[in-house]
Amino acid sequence: MHSRADRVAEIYSDTGGVVRAVSRRVVLSSIAALALAFSSNSGSPEELNVEADEGGIGVTRYAADRVGKRPAVLVLHGNRGVEFSTRAYEHYANALAAGGIDAYLVRYFTAEDHQALDPKKSARESRDAYTTSRFEGWTDRISSVVAAILERPDSSGRIGLLGFSLGGYIAADTAAHDQRVTAIAVLYGGMPDAMVTQVKHLPPLIELHGDADRAVPLAKGEELVKLARAVGAPAEQVTYPGREHGFDFSDSDPMTVDVVGRVVRFFQAHLLGL
């Protein structure tokens, strides 16, 4: 495993919505602030199951190391499932827990979803059609997890959604329907096409996207931010020049540190009031 000094040669800051390089001094302070994002949480993750339509949902809980009631963030994987890059999702969960927020990695796919979205077993057109038909079911399943987390005695009543790619679409769709969601962070995602003209509500959001993304065009992230602003929600987009889909999934990439830090600070601001 590379040392943090090896992994991070530079860090980035947002200037006019576009990320640019900053000084080594800022790099070192950012590394120190985010150190726990790249290590295991002090407590062991806890495996839970949430009852929902279409069967139970497996959830891994990464608890914040603090007493009392706490906010939570549900981490929603992309269309290849959690297993495609478990370590990357865990980086975010550990960073949120280190920042005082309980994180829940949600395995919302059913067995049928896994089968239908397996690229070895179905064509791209078939997978796209299946995905379009599944948004309502997926958002209902995420809302079931939201309800279960909010009922916990350690819940502060504030909950966020963090979605990656397909998970970003599901986070946006869920938040548009479920006003219990306090804030959302979307990475290279957007709003499902069928929902675009129906959005009446969204919570505060941040959307992060590479401008060279060929899987989910930057325009979908821009559309989501415009929708949020149109219904009165604070919304920010951060664009990473030259970056493609899933650019934050490598712990050897300095930009990952920037993305994780922005996401954690966003949720700390909207869920903890920091």
C-alpha atoms as a PDB file:
ATOM      1  CA  MET A   1       0.000   0.000   0.000  1.00  0.00           C
ATOM      2  CA  HIS A   2       1.343   3.407  -0.940  1.00  0.00           C
ATOM      3  CA  SER A   3       2.047   5.935   1.803  1.00  0.00           C
ATOM      4  CA  ARG A   4      -0.087   9.045   1.910  1.00  0.00           C
ATOM      5  CA  ALA A   5       2.907  11.077   0.769  1.00  0.00           C
ATOM      6  CA  ASP A   6       3.231   8.823  -2.273  1.00  0.00           C
ATOM      7  CA  ARG A   7      -0.468   8.896  -3.019  1.00  0.00           C
ATOM      8  CA  VAL A   8      -0.923  12.637  -2.789  1.00  0.00           C
ATOM      9  CA  ALA A   9       1.410  14.833  -4.803  1.00  0.00           C
ATOM     10  CA  GLU A  10      -1.018  17.720  -5.110  1.00  0.00           C
ATOM     11  CA  ILE A  11      -4.518  18.742  -4.038  1.00  0.00           C
ATOM     12  CA  TYR A  12      -7.093  20.883  -5.724  1.00  0.00           C
ATOM     13  CA  SER A  13      -9.331  23.792  -4.810  1.00  0.00           C
ATOM     14  CA  ASP A  14     -12.434  25.151  -6.491  1.00  0.00           C
ATOM     15  CA  THR A  15     -12.072  28.403  -8.450  1.00  0.00           C
ATOM     16  CA  GLY A  16     -15.148  29.469 -10.338  1.00  0.00           C
ATOM     17  CA  GLY A  17     -16.496  25.931 -10.305  1.00  0.00           C
ATOM     18  CA  VAL A  18     -13.356  24.450 -11.895  1.00  0.00           C
ATOM     19  CA  VAL A  19     -10.702  22.655  -9.859  1.00  0.00           C
ATOM     20  CA  ARG A  20      -7.127  24.003 -10.019  1.00  0.00           C
ATOM     21  CA  ALA A  21      -3.825  23.126  -8.345  1.00  0.00           C
ATOM     22  CA  VAL A  22      -2.776  24.801  -5.087  1.00  0.00           C
ATOM     23  CA  SER A  23       0.310  24.856  -2.909  1.00  0.00           C
ATOM     24  CA  ARG A  24       2.201  22.057  -1.174  1.00  0.00           C
ATOM     25  CA  ARG A  25       1.351  23.619   2.189  1.00  0.00           C
ATOM     26  CA  VAL A  26      -2.362  23.188   1.462  1.00  0.00           C
ATOM     27  CA  VAL A  27      -1.658  19.651   0.268  1.00  0.00           C
ATOM     28  CA  LEU A  28      -0.076  18.654   3.562  1.00  0.00           C
ATOM     29  CA  SER A  29      -2.808  20.215   5.697  1.00  0.00           C
ATOM     30  CA  SER A  30      -5.495  18.564   3.585  1.00  0.00           C
ATOM     31  CA  ILE A  31      -3.795  15.186   3.929  1.00  0.00           C
ATOM     32  CA  ALA A  32      -3.731  15.543   7.699  1.00  0.00           C
ATOM     33  CA  ALA A  33      -7.381  16.571   7.817  1.00  0.00           C
ATOM     34  CA  LEU A  34      -8.478  13.618   5.691  1.00  0.00           C
ATOM     35  CA  ALA A  35      -6.173  10.927   7.044  1.00  0.00           C
ATOM     36  CA  LEU A  36      -8.988   8.839   8.437  1.00  0.00           C
ATOM     37  CA  ALA A  37     -10.686   8.727   5.052  1.00  0.00           C
ATOM     38  CA  PHE A  38      -8.085   6.168   3.961  1.00  0.00           C
ATOM     39  CA  SER A  39      -7.976   3.979   7.040  1.00  0.00           C
ATOM     40  CA  SER A  40     -10.416   1.696   8.788  1.00  0.00           C
ATOM     41  CA  ASN A  41     -12.907   3.240  11.177  1.00  0.00           C
ATOM     42  CA  SER A  42     -12.021   2.776  14.839  1.00  0.00           C
ATOM     43  CA  GLY A  43     -15.048   0.513  15.345  1.00  0.00           C
ATOM     44  CA  SER A  44     -15.879  -2.601  13.350  1.00  0.00           C
ATOM     45  CA  PRO A  45     -18.541  -2.129  10.645  1.00  0.00           C
ATOM     46  CA  GLU A  46     -21.909  -3.592  11.624  1.00  0.00           C
ATOM     47  CA  GLU A  47     -24.008  -5.665   9.221  1.00  0.00           C
ATOM     48  CA  LEU A  48     -27.738  -4.929   9.289  1.00  0.00           C
ATOM     49  CA  ASN A  49     -30.814  -5.917   7.317  1.00  0.00           C
ATOM     50  CA  VAL A  50     -33.728  -3.631   6.498  1.00  0.00           C
ATOM     51  CA  GLU A  51     -37.084  -5.096   5.523  1.00  0.00           C
ATOM     52  CA  ALA A  52     -38.482  -3.606   2.320  1.00  0.00           C
ATOM     53  CA  ASP A  53     -40.654  -4.370  -0.659  1.00  0.00           C
ATOM     54  CA  GLU A  54     -39.016  -6.950  -2.922  1.00  0.00           C
ATOM     55  CA  GLY A  55     -36.999  -8.386  -0.046  1.00  0.00           C
ATOM     56  CA  GLY A  56     -34.522  -7.340   2.609  1.00  0.00           C
ATOM     57  CA  ILE A  57     -31.756  -4.825   2.007  1.00  0.00           C
ATOM     58  CA  GLY A  58     -28.272  -5.483   3.334  1.00  0.00           C
ATOM     59  CA  VAL A  59     -26.701  -2.449   5.010  1.00  0.00           C
ATOM     60  CA  THR A  60     -23.214  -1.998   6.458  1.00  0.00           C
ATOM     61  CA  ARG A  61     -23.062   0.613   9.224  1.00  0.00           C
ATOM     62  CA  TYR A  62     -19.901   2.637   9.894  1.00  0.00           C
ATOM     63  CA  ALA A  63     -20.571   4.356  13.214  1.00  0.00           C
ATOM     64  CA  ALA A  64     -19.154   7.744  14.119  1.00  0.00           C
ATOM     65  CA  ASP A  65     -16.937   7.728  17.197  1.00  0.00           C
ATOM     66  CA  ARG A  66     -19.135  10.009  19.268  1.00  0.00           C
ATOM     67  CA  VAL A  67     -21.910   9.632  21.805  1.00  0.00           C
ATOM     68  CA  GLY A  68     -25.452  10.903  21.554  1.00  0.00           C
ATOM     69  CA  LYS A  69     -27.722  11.342  18.577  1.00  0.00           C
ATOM     70  CA  ARG A  70     -26.038  11.604  15.200  1.00  0.00           C
ATOM     71  CA  PRO A  71     -26.988  12.297  11.596  1.00  0.00           C
ATOM     72  CA  ALA A  72     -26.541   9.624   8.953  1.00  0.00           C
ATOM     73  CA  VAL A  73     -25.630   9.354   5.282  1.00  0.00           C
ATOM     74  CA  LEU A  74     -26.725   6.471   3.054  1.00  0.00           C
ATOM     75  CA  VAL A  75     -24.064   5.526   0.492  1.00  0.00           C
ATOM     76  CA  LEU A  76     -25.612   4.327  -2.792  1.00  0.00           C
ATOM     77  CA  HIS A  77     -23.452   2.305  -5.183  1.00  0.00           C
ATOM     78  CA  GLY A  78     -23.377   2.412  -8.978  1.00  0.00           C
ATOM     79  CA  ASN A  79     -24.797  -0.075 -11.485  1.00  0.00           C
ATOM     80  CA  ARG A  80     -22.086  -2.688 -10.898  1.00  0.00           C
ATOM     81  CA  GLY A  81     -23.010  -3.070  -7.236  1.00  0.00           C
ATOM     82  CA  VAL A  82     -20.953  -2.579  -4.089  1.00  0.00           C
ATOM     83  CA  GLU A  83     -18.604  -5.407  -4.986  1.00  0.00           C
ATOM     84  CA  PHE A  84     -17.287  -3.608  -8.075  1.00  0.00           C
ATOM     85  CA  SER A  85     -15.279  -1.213  -5.862  1.00  0.00           C
ATOM     86  CA  THR A  86     -16.002  -1.906  -2.207  1.00  0.00           C
ATOM     87  CA  ARG A  87     -12.804  -0.202  -1.062  1.00  0.00           C
ATOM     88  CA  ALA A  88     -13.742   3.058  -2.776  1.00  0.00           C
ATOM     89  CA  TYR A  89     -17.172   3.172  -1.143  1.00  0.00           C
ATOM     90  CA  GLU A  90     -15.577   2.348   2.204  1.00  0.00           C
ATOM     91  CA  HIS A  91     -13.270   5.377   1.842  1.00  0.00           C
ATOM     92  CA  TYR A  92     -16.315   7.632   1.854  1.00  0.00           C
ATOM     93  CA  ALA A  93     -18.019   5.724   4.668  1.00  0.00           C
ATOM     94  CA  ASN A  94     -14.915   5.890   6.865  1.00  0.00           C
ATOM     95  CA  ALA A  95     -14.401   9.570   6.121  1.00  0.00           C
ATOM     96  CA  LEU A  96     -17.996  10.390   7.040  1.00  0.00           C
ATOM     97  CA  ALA A  97     -17.707   8.392  10.271  1.00  0.00           C
ATOM     98  CA  ALA A  98     -14.455  10.195  11.107  1.00  0.00           C
ATOM     99  CA  GLY A  99     -16.319  13.461  10.515  1.00  0.00           C
ATOM    100  CA  GLY A 100     -19.002  12.661  13.087  1.00  0.00           C
ATOM    101  CA  ILE A 101     -21.652  11.199  10.770  1.00  0.00           C
ATOM    102  CA  ASP A 102     -22.873   7.602  10.751  1.00  0.00           C
ATOM    103  CA  ALA A 103     -22.501   6.098   7.270  1.00  0.00           C
ATOM    104  CA  TYR A 104     -24.592   3.255   5.887  1.00  0.00           C
ATOM    105  CA  LEU A 105     -23.423   1.418   2.766  1.00  0.00           C
ATOM    106  CA  VAL A 106     -26.686   0.225   1.188  1.00  0.00           C
ATOM    107  CA  ARG A 107     -26.904  -2.861  -1.048  1.00  0.00           C
ATOM    108  CA  TYR A 108     -30.207  -1.931  -2.622  1.00  0.00           C
ATOM    109  CA  PHE A 109     -30.112  -4.300  -5.615  1.00  0.00           C
ATOM    110  CA  THR A 110     -32.353  -7.370  -5.646  1.00  0.00           C
ATOM    111  CA  ALA A 111     -31.144 -10.671  -7.095  1.00  0.00           C
ATOM    112  CA  GLU A 112     -33.110  -9.820 -10.249  1.00  0.00           C
ATOM    113  CA  ASP A 113     -31.332  -6.460 -10.501  1.00  0.00           C
ATOM    114  CA  HIS A 114     -27.929  -8.122 -10.349  1.00  0.00           C
ATOM    115  CA  GLN A 115     -28.948 -10.555 -13.061  1.00  0.00           C
ATOM    116  CA  ALA A 116     -30.465  -7.936 -15.367  1.00  0.00           C
ATOM    117  CA  LEU A 117     -27.573  -5.476 -15.038  1.00  0.00           C
ATOM    118  CA  ASP A 118     -24.736  -7.972 -15.423  1.00  0.00           C
ATOM    119  CA  PRO A 119     -22.838  -6.806 -18.551  1.00  0.00           C
ATOM    120  CA  LYS A 120     -21.794 -10.409 -19.220  1.00  0.00           C
ATOM    121  CA  LYS A 121     -25.412 -11.519 -19.475  1.00  0.00           C
ATOM    122  CA  SER A 122     -27.274  -8.658 -21.182  1.00  0.00           C
ATOM    123  CA  ALA A 123     -26.794  -6.044 -23.898  1.00  0.00           C
ATOM    124  CA  ARG A 124     -26.390  -2.333 -23.148  1.00  0.00           C
ATOM    125  CA  GLU A 125     -29.820  -1.512 -24.604  1.00  0.00           C
ATOM    126  CA  SER A 126     -31.455  -4.136 -22.402  1.00  0.00           C
ATOM    127  CA  ARG A 127     -29.687  -2.835 -19.286  1.00  0.00           C
ATOM    128  CA  ASP A 128     -30.698   0.759 -20.055  1.00  0.00           C
ATOM    129  CA  ALA A 129     -34.342  -0.208 -20.515  1.00  0.00           C
ATOM    130  CA  TYR A 130     -34.307  -2.219 -17.295  1.00  0.00           C
ATOM    131  CA  THR A 131     -32.774   0.674 -15.367  1.00  0.00           C
ATOM    132  CA  THR A 132     -35.435   3.102 -16.621  1.00  0.00           C
ATOM    133  CA  SER A 133     -38.157   0.738 -15.420  1.00  0.00           C
ATOM    134  CA  ARG A 134     -36.615   0.284 -11.964  1.00  0.00           C
ATOM    135  CA  PHE A 135     -36.257   3.813 -10.576  1.00  0.00           C
ATOM    136  CA  GLU A 136     -39.588   3.764  -8.737  1.00  0.00           C
ATOM    137  CA  GLY A 137     -38.789   0.438  -7.093  1.00  0.00           C
ATOM    138  CA  TRP A 138     -35.283   1.514  -6.123  1.00  0.00           C
ATOM    139  CA  THR A 139     -36.409   4.833  -4.640  1.00  0.00           C
ATOM    140  CA  ASP A 140     -39.038   2.995  -2.591  1.00  0.00           C
ATOM    141  CA  ARG A 141     -36.332   0.679  -1.261  1.00  0.00           C
ATOM    142  CA  ILE A 142     -34.078   3.591  -0.318  1.00  0.00           C
ATOM    143  CA  SER A 143     -36.987   5.314   1.433  1.00  0.00           C
ATOM    144  CA  SER A 144     -37.486   2.132   3.454  1.00  0.00           C
ATOM    145  CA  VAL A 145     -33.869   2.402   4.626  1.00  0.00           C
ATOM    146  CA  VAL A 146     -34.345   6.113   5.392  1.00  0.00           C
ATOM    147  CA  ALA A 147     -37.326   5.240   7.584  1.00  0.00           C
ATOM    148  CA  ALA A 148     -35.421   2.483   9.402  1.00  0.00           C
ATOM    149  CA  ILE A 149     -32.429   4.716  10.140  1.00  0.00           C
ATOM    150  CA  LEU A 150     -34.581   7.601  11.351  1.00  0.00           C
ATOM    151  CA  GLU A 151     -36.301   5.240  13.801  1.00  0.00           C
ATOM    152  CA  ARG A 152     -33.018   4.327  15.491  1.00  0.00           C
ATOM    153  CA  PRO A 153     -32.578   5.781  18.999  1.00  0.00           C
ATOM    154  CA  ASP A 154     -29.189   7.237  17.968  1.00  0.00           C
ATOM    155  CA  SER A 155     -30.660   9.172  15.004  1.00  0.00           C
ATOM    156  CA  SER A 156     -30.653  12.965  15.149  1.00  0.00           C
ATOM    157  CA  GLY A 157     -33.420  13.062  12.543  1.00  0.00           C
ATOM    158  CA  ARG A 158     -31.132  14.409   9.844  1.00  0.00           C
ATOM    159  CA  ILE A 159     -30.185  12.155   6.948  1.00  0.00           C
ATOM    160  CA  GLY A 160     -28.288  12.557   3.693  1.00  0.00           C
ATOM    161  CA  LEU A 161     -27.845  10.522   0.519  1.00  0.00           C
ATOM    162  CA  LEU A 162     -24.512  10.042  -1.250  1.00  0.00           C
ATOM    163  CA  GLY A 163     -24.915   8.471  -4.687  1.00  0.00           C
ATOM    164  CA  PHE A 164     -22.433   7.373  -7.334  1.00  0.00           C
ATOM    165  CA  SER A 165     -23.479   7.202 -11.004  1.00  0.00           C
ATOM    166  CA  LEU A 166     -26.726   5.160 -10.970  1.00  0.00           C
ATOM    167  CA  GLY A 167     -26.775   5.666  -7.203  1.00  0.00           C
ATOM    168  CA  GLY A 168     -26.635   9.414  -7.856  1.00  0.00           C
ATOM    169  CA  TYR A 169     -29.743   9.225 -10.003  1.00  0.00           C
ATOM    170  CA  ILE A 170     -31.479   7.215  -7.297  1.00  0.00           C
ATOM    171  CA  ALA A 171     -30.381   9.698  -4.609  1.00  0.00           C
ATOM    172  CA  ALA A 172     -31.805  12.601  -6.635  1.00  0.00           C
ATOM    173  CA  ASP A 173     -35.047  10.757  -7.397  1.00  0.00           C
ATOM    174  CA  THR A 174     -35.499   9.689  -3.776  1.00  0.00           C
ATOM    175  CA  ALA A 175     -34.854  13.193  -2.454  1.00  0.00           C
ATOM    176  CA  ALA A 176     -37.385  14.645  -4.896  1.00  0.00           C
ATOM    177  CA  HIS A 177     -40.048  12.292  -3.482  1.00  0.00           C
ATOM    178  CA  ASP A 178     -39.015  11.974   0.175  1.00  0.00           C
ATOM    179  CA  GLN A 179     -38.794  15.214   2.136  1.00  0.00           C
ATOM    180  CA  ARG A 180     -37.189  13.445   5.089  1.00  0.00           C
ATOM    181  CA  VAL A 181     -33.915  13.617   3.136  1.00  0.00           C
ATOM    182  CA  THR A 182     -31.942  16.615   4.416  1.00  0.00           C
ATOM    183  CA  ALA A 183     -29.137  16.858   1.830  1.00  0.00           C
ATOM    184  CA  ILE A 184     -27.702  14.943  -1.138  1.00  0.00           C
ATOM    185  CA  ALA A 185     -24.306  14.593  -2.770  1.00  0.00           C
ATOM    186  CA  VAL A 186     -24.236  13.200  -6.312  1.00  0.00           C
ATOM    187  CA  LEU A 187     -21.102  12.021  -8.075  1.00  0.00           C
ATOM    188  CA  TYR A 188     -21.349  11.863 -11.875  1.00  0.00           C
ATOM    189  CA  GLY A 189     -25.113  11.409 -11.830  1.00  0.00           C
ATOM    190  CA  GLY A 190     -28.299  13.301 -12.553  1.00  0.00           C
ATOM    191  CA  MET A 191     -32.089  13.133 -12.384  1.00  0.00           C
ATOM    192  CA  PRO A 192     -33.941  10.320 -14.219  1.00  0.00           C
ATOM    193  CA  ASP A 193     -35.356  11.698 -17.468  1.00  0.00           C
ATOM    194  CA  ALA A 194     -38.942  10.843 -16.540  1.00  0.00           C
ATOM    195  CA  MET A 195     -38.662  12.932 -13.357  1.00  0.00           C
ATOM    196  CA  VAL A 196     -37.130  16.092 -14.804  1.00  0.00           C
ATOM    197  CA  THR A 197     -40.427  17.890 -15.467  1.00  0.00           C
ATOM    198  CA  GLN A 198     -41.990  16.669 -12.203  1.00  0.00           C
ATOM    199  CA  VAL A 199     -39.485  17.953  -9.644  1.00  0.00           C
ATOM    200  CA  LYS A 200     -41.124  20.217  -7.067  1.00  0.00           C
ATOM    201  CA  HIS A 201     -38.681  19.776  -4.199  1.00  0.00           C
ATOM    202  CA  LEU A 202     -35.028  19.031  -3.615  1.00  0.00           C
ATOM    203  CA  PRO A 203     -32.839  19.508  -0.533  1.00  0.00           C
ATOM    204  CA  PRO A 204     -29.424  21.219  -0.643  1.00  0.00           C
ATOM    205  CA  LEU A 205     -27.098  19.337  -2.983  1.00  0.00           C
ATOM    206  CA  ILE A 206     -23.601  19.154  -4.369  1.00  0.00           C
ATOM    207  CA  GLU A 207     -22.816  17.483  -7.692  1.00  0.00           C
ATOM    208  CA  LEU A 208     -19.265  16.485  -8.682  1.00  0.00           C
ATOM    209  CA  HIS A 209     -18.446  15.509 -12.265  1.00  0.00           C
ATOM    210  CA  GLY A 210     -15.562  15.015 -14.658  1.00  0.00           C
ATOM    211  CA  ASP A 211     -15.957  17.037 -17.846  1.00  0.00           C
ATOM    212  CA  ALA A 212     -14.646  14.115 -19.942  1.00  0.00           C
ATOM    213  CA  ASP A 213     -17.295  11.694 -18.644  1.00  0.00           C
ATOM    214  CA  ARG A 214     -18.639   9.583 -21.512  1.00  0.00           C
ATOM    215  CA  ALA A 215     -20.863   7.323 -19.394  1.00  0.00           C
ATOM    216  CA  VAL A 216     -22.927  10.097 -17.785  1.00  0.00           C
ATOM    217  CA  PRO A 217     -22.490  13.399 -19.659  1.00  0.00           C
ATOM    218  CA  LEU A 218     -21.603  16.478 -17.651  1.00  0.00           C
ATOM    219  CA  ALA A 219     -24.851  17.996 -18.941  1.00  0.00           C
ATOM    220  CA  LYS A 220     -26.851  15.614 -16.699  1.00  0.00           C
ATOM    221  CA  GLY A 221     -25.108  16.966 -13.619  1.00  0.00           C
ATOM    222  CA  GLU A 222     -25.654  20.523 -14.815  1.00  0.00           C
ATOM    223  CA  GLU A 223     -29.333  19.757 -15.361  1.00  0.00           C
ATOM    224  CA  LEU A 224     -29.675  18.428 -11.804  1.00  0.00           C
ATOM    225  CA  VAL A 225     -28.104  21.553 -10.316  1.00  0.00           C
ATOM    226  CA  LYS A 226     -30.434  23.778 -12.369  1.00  0.00           C
ATOM    227  CA  LEU A 227     -33.455  21.760 -11.229  1.00  0.00           C
ATOM    228  CA  ALA A 228     -32.453  22.177  -7.594  1.00  0.00           C
ATOM    229  CA  ARG A 229     -31.965  25.906  -7.954  1.00  0.00           C
ATOM    230  CA  ALA A 230     -35.282  26.231  -9.787  1.00  0.00           C
ATOM    231  CA  VAL A 231     -37.138  24.821  -6.766  1.00  0.00           C
ATOM    232  CA  GLY A 232     -35.203  27.009  -4.332  1.00  0.00           C
ATOM    233  CA  ALA A 233     -32.567  24.575  -3.083  1.00  0.00           C
ATOM    234  CA  PRO A 234     -28.919  25.610  -2.597  1.00  0.00           C
ATOM    235  CA  ALA A 235     -26.930  23.680  -5.217  1.00  0.00           C
ATOM    236  CA  GLU A 236     -23.281  23.579  -6.226  1.00  0.00           C
ATOM    237  CA  GLN A 237     -21.459  21.775  -9.009  1.00  0.00           C
ATOM    238  CA  VAL A 238     -17.739  21.058  -8.981  1.00  0.00           C
ATOM    239  CA  THR A 239     -16.220  20.142 -12.341  1.00  0.00           C
ATOM    240  CA  TYR A 240     -12.961  18.214 -12.673  1.00  0.00           C
ATOM    241  CA  PRO A 241     -11.192  18.990 -15.981  1.00  0.00           C
ATOM    242  CA  GLY A 242     -10.200  16.043 -18.134  1.00  0.00           C
ATOM    243  CA  ARG A 243     -11.676  13.485 -15.743  1.00  0.00           C
ATOM    244  CA  GLU A 244     -13.800  10.550 -16.853  1.00  0.00           C
ATOM    245  CA  HIS A 245     -16.436   8.462 -15.092  1.00  0.00           C
ATOM    246  CA  GLY A 246     -15.465   7.127 -11.658  1.00  0.00           C
ATOM    247  CA  PHE A 247     -12.358   9.321 -11.445  1.00  0.00           C
ATOM    248  CA  ASP A 248     -12.438   9.272  -7.630  1.00  0.00           C
ATOM    249  CA  PHE A 249     -12.198   5.501  -7.218  1.00  0.00           C
ATOM    250  CA  SER A 250      -8.412   5.291  -6.899  1.00  0.00           C
ATOM    251  CA  ASP A 251      -6.717   5.984  -3.561  1.00  0.00           C
ATOM    252  CA  SER A 252      -3.504   6.727  -5.481  1.00  0.00           C
ATOM    253  CA  ASP A 253      -5.111   9.722  -7.217  1.00  0.00           C
ATOM    254  CA  PRO A 254      -4.703  13.050  -5.394  1.00  0.00           C
ATOM    255  CA  MET A 255      -8.051  14.210  -6.707  1.00  0.00           C
ATOM    256  CA  THR A 256      -9.771  11.526  -4.620  1.00  0.00           C
ATOM    257  CA  VAL A 257      -8.656  13.372  -1.490  1.00  0.00           C
ATOM    258  CA  ASP A 258     -10.283  16.547  -2.761  1.00  0.00           C
ATOM    259  CA  VAL A 259     -13.562  14.836  -3.668  1.00  0.00           C
ATOM    260  CA  VAL A 260     -13.867  12.954  -0.373  1.00  0.00           C
ATOM    261  CA  GLY A 261     -13.084  16.129   1.565  1.00  0.00           C
ATOM    262  CA  ARG A 262     -15.711  18.155  -0.270  1.00  0.00           C
ATOM    263  CA  VAL A 263     -18.366  15.515   0.292  1.00  0.00           C
ATOM    264  CA  VAL A 264     -17.631  15.241   4.015  1.00  0.00           C
ATOM    265  CA  ARG A 265     -17.576  19.029   4.499  1.00  0.00           C
ATOM    266  CA  PHE A 266     -20.869  19.356   2.605  1.00  0.00           C
ATOM    267  CA  PHE A 267     -22.622  16.885   4.879  1.00  0.00           C
ATOM    268  CA  GLN A 268     -21.037  18.323   8.010  1.00  0.00           C
ATOM    269  CA  ALA A 269     -22.431  21.724   7.025  1.00  0.00           C
ATOM    270  CA  HIS A 270     -25.963  20.509   6.286  1.00  0.00           C
ATOM    271  CA  LEU A 271     -26.320  17.671   8.812  1.00  0.00           C
ATOM    272  CA  LEU A 272     -24.172  18.881  11.705  1.00  0.00           C
ATOM    273  CA  GLY A 273     -24.339  22.630  11.143  1.00  0.00           C
ATOM    274  CA  LEU A 274     -20.541  22.990  11.130  1.00  0.00           C
END
